[in-house]
Amino acid sequence: MDPEDLTKLSSNENPHGPSPKAVAAIEDAAPTVSVYPKTAHTDLTERLADKWGLEPEQVWVSPGADGSIDYLTRAVLEPDDRILEPAPGFSYYSMSARYHHGDAVQYEVSKGDDFEQTADLVLDAYDGERMVYLTTPHNPTGSVLPREELVELAESVEEHTLLVVDEAYGEFAEEPSAIDLLSEYDNVAVLRTFSKAYGLAGLRIGYACVPEAWADAYAR
């Protein structure tokens, strides 16, 4: 079989590519690539904060959503702490936990239940883990975690648990973003990326939105 005849699906790269305006902006910036970027990415951070109605300190720009996962893991996990993640799911959740001397356990998103995501599904597997990952839309099934289920989780988990809502595919869902919940709950963080809907995977730009109580953890 000729590899040229194969279509790669595993990375979920956008076949339409980036916006022509994004391409033009990249070309305009090309002569400056010899200069290190601003440490805090303040220009992009401020634009994202304005978009989501947050303070700039609540937006942690990172090298892809993977980078945001690492930032949150460093801020939260102590050695031997565990995370709870969906199975099937994004392998980097557990990889990051183990890189930082933690471990991972899973809750099953099952074909037998039409891949439905509910608070009960997560809570049945929950045993006080330090971080709980909620992928909505879920990769690879596309199912979503309804807003009321997320609120139930935020109000049910123990005080030390952080709910990490991965919205890497959020632009493909009708369900509104969970980012507005950050004003009500200090145990919710939301991941977003420019890699999928915006077709900018090669630039590695992601970000986490965190509650105000977490704002100074990024600087540390």
Protein backbone atom coordinates (compact mmCIF):
# COMPACT_ATOMS: atom_id res chain seq x y z
CA MET A 1 0.00 0.00 0.00
CA ASP A 2 1.29 3.42 -0.98
CA PRO A 3 1.34 5.80 2.02
CA GLU A 4 0.34 8.58 -0.36
CA ASP A 5 -3.02 6.83 -0.78
CA LEU A 6 -3.77 6.96 2.95
CA THR A 7 -5.69 9.66 4.79
CA LYS A 8 -4.41 10.38 8.29
CA LEU A 9 -7.28 10.81 10.75
CA SER A 10 -5.62 10.23 14.11
CA SER A 11 -4.55 13.84 14.70
CA ASN A 12 -7.87 15.41 13.66
CA GLU A 13 -6.16 18.06 11.55
CA ASN A 14 -8.45 20.52 9.83
CA PRO A 15 -8.55 19.60 6.10
CA HIS A 16 -9.62 23.14 5.18
CA GLY A 17 -6.52 24.71 6.66
CA PRO A 18 -6.34 28.12 8.31
CA SER A 19 -8.15 31.31 7.37
CA PRO A 20 -6.46 33.34 4.61
CA LYS A 21 -6.26 36.17 7.14
CA ALA A 22 -4.31 33.90 9.48
CA VAL A 23 -1.95 32.96 6.66
CA ALA A 24 -1.40 36.65 5.85
CA ALA A 25 -0.70 37.42 9.51
CA ILE A 26 1.83 34.58 9.67
CA GLU A 27 3.56 35.86 6.54
CA ASP A 28 3.66 39.39 7.97
CA ALA A 29 5.22 38.08 11.18
CA ALA A 30 7.78 35.85 9.44
CA PRO A 31 10.62 38.44 9.42
CA THR A 32 10.43 38.68 13.23
CA VAL A 33 10.91 34.98 14.03
CA SER A 34 14.51 35.61 15.09
CA VAL A 35 13.18 37.50 18.13
CA TYR A 36 11.96 35.67 21.24
CA PRO A 37 8.22 36.08 21.89
CA LYS A 38 6.89 38.09 24.80
CA THR A 39 7.11 35.95 27.90
CA ALA A 40 3.50 36.49 28.95
CA HIS A 41 2.02 36.64 25.41
CA THR A 42 0.25 39.76 26.64
CA ASP A 43 -1.25 40.81 23.31
CA LEU A 44 -2.98 37.47 22.65
CA THR A 45 -3.83 37.03 26.32
CA GLU A 46 -5.65 40.35 26.43
CA ARG A 47 -7.63 39.60 23.26
CA LEU A 48 -8.72 36.21 24.60
CA ALA A 49 -9.63 37.68 27.98
CA ASP A 50 -11.77 40.29 26.25
CA LYS A 51 -13.47 37.62 24.11
CA TRP A 52 -14.47 35.55 27.14
CA GLY A 53 -15.13 38.33 29.64
CA LEU A 54 -12.19 37.39 31.87
CA GLU A 55 -9.25 39.17 33.46
CA PRO A 56 -5.99 38.66 31.51
CA GLU A 57 -4.52 36.81 34.50
CA GLN A 58 -7.19 34.15 34.04
CA VAL A 59 -5.93 33.21 30.56
CA TRP A 60 -2.87 30.95 30.42
CA VAL A 61 -1.56 30.86 26.84
CA SER A 62 0.45 27.72 26.13
CA PRO A 63 2.16 25.67 23.39
CA GLY A 64 -1.00 23.86 22.34
CA ALA A 65 -3.63 22.50 24.70
CA ASP A 66 -1.00 19.97 25.79
CA GLY A 67 0.94 22.85 27.30
CA SER A 68 -2.12 23.98 29.25
CA ILE A 69 -2.57 20.46 30.58
CA ASP A 70 1.03 20.55 31.79
CA TYR A 71 0.57 23.98 33.40
CA LEU A 72 -2.49 22.83 35.31
CA THR A 73 -0.84 19.57 36.31
CA ARG A 74 2.17 21.41 37.72
CA ALA A 75 -0.09 23.79 39.62
CA VAL A 76 -2.27 21.04 41.11
CA LEU A 77 -0.67 17.62 41.30
CA GLU A 78 1.58 16.40 44.10
CA PRO A 79 3.56 13.15 43.77
CA ASP A 80 1.26 10.10 43.89
CA ASP A 81 -1.88 12.19 43.31
CA ARG A 82 -4.27 10.72 40.76
CA ILE A 83 -6.34 12.08 37.92
CA LEU A 84 -9.65 10.71 36.62
CA GLU A 85 -9.98 10.66 32.84
CA PRO A 86 -12.40 9.34 30.21
CA ALA A 87 -11.74 6.10 28.36
CA PRO A 88 -11.44 6.21 25.45
CA GLY A 89 -9.88 9.63 25.58
CA PHE A 90 -6.93 11.91 24.95
CA SER A 91 -3.79 10.05 25.99
CA TYR A 92 -1.94 13.18 27.10
CA TYR A 93 -4.06 13.57 30.24
CA SER A 94 -2.45 10.51 31.83
CA MET A 95 0.93 11.13 30.20
CA SER A 96 1.16 14.55 31.82
CA ALA A 97 0.08 13.16 35.19
CA ARG A 98 2.78 10.49 35.07
CA TYR A 99 5.43 12.95 33.88
CA HIS A 100 4.66 14.88 37.05
CA HIS A 101 4.86 11.78 39.30
CA GLY A 102 1.12 11.19 39.50
CA ASP A 103 -1.13 8.43 38.19
CA ALA A 104 -4.41 8.03 36.31
CA VAL A 105 -7.65 6.08 36.60
CA GLN A 106 -10.50 6.02 34.09
CA TYR A 107 -14.25 6.27 33.73
CA GLU A 108 -15.71 4.57 30.67
CA VAL A 109 -17.60 6.43 27.95
CA SER A 110 -19.43 3.40 26.60
CA LYS A 111 -20.89 2.49 23.24
CA GLY A 112 -23.53 0.55 25.15
CA ASP A 113 -24.78 3.85 26.56
CA ASP A 114 -24.54 5.64 23.19
CA PHE A 115 -21.39 7.33 24.57
CA GLU A 116 -23.58 9.45 26.84
CA GLN A 117 -21.71 11.65 29.31
CA THR A 118 -23.39 12.32 32.65
CA ALA A 119 -22.43 13.46 36.13
CA ASP A 120 -23.41 10.05 37.51
CA LEU A 121 -21.05 8.33 35.06
CA VAL A 122 -18.13 10.36 36.39
CA LEU A 123 -19.15 10.31 40.05
CA ASP A 124 -19.55 6.52 40.04
CA ALA A 125 -15.83 6.28 39.24
CA TYR A 126 -14.72 9.28 41.29
CA ASP A 127 -12.75 8.59 44.46
CA GLY A 128 -11.35 11.97 45.43
CA GLU A 129 -8.94 12.32 42.50
CA ARG A 130 -7.07 15.63 42.39
CA MET A 131 -8.04 16.38 38.78
CA VAL A 132 -11.02 15.17 36.75
CA TYR A 133 -10.95 15.57 32.96
CA LEU A 134 -14.22 16.17 31.12
CA THR A 135 -13.93 16.23 27.33
CA THR A 136 -16.82 17.99 25.62
CA PRO A 137 -17.27 17.37 22.77
CA HIS A 138 -15.65 14.06 23.58
CA ASN A 139 -12.78 12.80 21.44
CA PRO A 140 -13.31 10.48 19.61
CA THR A 141 -17.09 9.96 20.01
CA GLY A 142 -18.36 13.55 19.72
CA SER A 143 -20.73 13.28 22.69
CA VAL A 144 -21.17 16.32 24.92
CA LEU A 145 -21.49 16.80 28.65
CA PRO A 146 -24.64 18.90 29.16
CA ARG A 147 -24.34 22.08 31.15
CA GLU A 148 -26.51 20.87 34.03
CA GLU A 149 -24.34 17.75 34.38
CA LEU A 150 -21.19 19.86 34.61
CA VAL A 151 -22.77 22.06 37.27
CA GLU A 152 -23.75 18.96 39.24
CA LEU A 153 -20.15 17.77 39.11
CA ALA A 154 -18.79 21.14 40.20
CA GLU A 155 -21.08 21.04 43.22
CA SER A 156 -20.44 17.36 44.04
CA VAL A 157 -16.68 16.78 43.95
CA GLU A 158 -14.48 17.33 46.98
CA GLU A 159 -12.99 20.76 47.64
CA HIS A 160 -9.48 19.76 46.54
CA THR A 161 -10.58 18.45 43.11
CA LEU A 162 -10.16 20.51 39.94
CA LEU A 163 -12.54 19.81 37.04
CA VAL A 164 -10.71 20.34 33.75
CA VAL A 165 -13.18 20.84 30.90
CA ASP A 166 -11.42 20.14 27.61
CA GLU A 167 -13.16 22.13 24.86
CA ALA A 168 -10.60 21.52 22.12
CA TYR A 169 -13.56 20.80 19.82
CA GLY A 170 -15.86 23.36 21.41
CA GLU A 171 -16.40 25.28 18.18
CA PHE A 172 -18.08 22.19 16.71
CA ALA A 173 -20.69 21.96 19.49
CA GLU A 174 -24.01 23.72 20.00
CA GLU A 175 -23.52 23.55 23.77
CA PRO A 176 -22.18 26.88 25.12
CA SER A 177 -18.69 27.04 26.57
CA ALA A 178 -18.20 26.35 30.26
CA ILE A 179 -15.94 29.39 30.57
CA ASP A 180 -18.70 31.53 32.07
CA LEU A 181 -18.88 29.08 34.99
CA LEU A 182 -15.50 30.35 36.18
CA SER A 183 -17.26 33.30 37.80
CA GLU A 184 -19.34 30.90 39.92
CA TYR A 185 -17.00 27.99 40.64
CA ASP A 186 -13.34 28.05 41.63
CA ASN A 187 -12.90 24.33 40.92
CA VAL A 188 -13.40 24.52 37.13
CA ALA A 189 -10.80 25.24 34.43
CA VAL A 190 -11.42 25.16 30.67
CA LEU A 191 -9.02 24.21 27.87
CA ARG A 192 -9.21 25.67 24.36
CA THR A 193 -7.00 25.48 21.28
CA PHE A 194 -6.44 27.05 17.88
CA SER A 195 -5.41 23.69 16.41
CA LYS A 196 -8.77 22.24 15.41
CA ALA A 197 -11.48 24.62 14.20
CA TYR A 198 -8.96 27.32 13.28
CA GLY A 199 -6.62 24.97 11.41
CA LEU A 200 -3.47 26.21 13.15
CA ALA A 201 -2.14 22.96 14.61
CA GLY A 202 1.39 23.69 13.40
CA LEU A 203 1.59 26.91 15.39
CA ARG A 204 0.92 25.12 18.71
CA ILE A 205 -1.32 27.72 20.36
CA GLY A 206 -3.64 26.70 23.16
CA TYR A 207 -4.83 28.23 26.38
CA ALA A 208 -6.47 27.49 29.71
CA CYS A 209 -9.10 29.71 31.31
CA VAL A 210 -8.98 29.55 35.10
CA PRO A 211 -10.89 31.08 38.04
CA GLU A 212 -9.61 34.36 39.47
CA ALA A 213 -8.39 32.50 42.54
CA TRP A 214 -5.88 30.72 40.30
CA ALA A 215 -4.64 33.82 38.49
CA ASP A 216 -1.23 34.10 40.14
CA ALA A 217 -0.38 30.39 39.77
CA TYR A 218 0.63 30.94 36.12
CA ALA A 219 3.24 33.54 37.06
CA ARG A 220 4.70 31.17 39.64
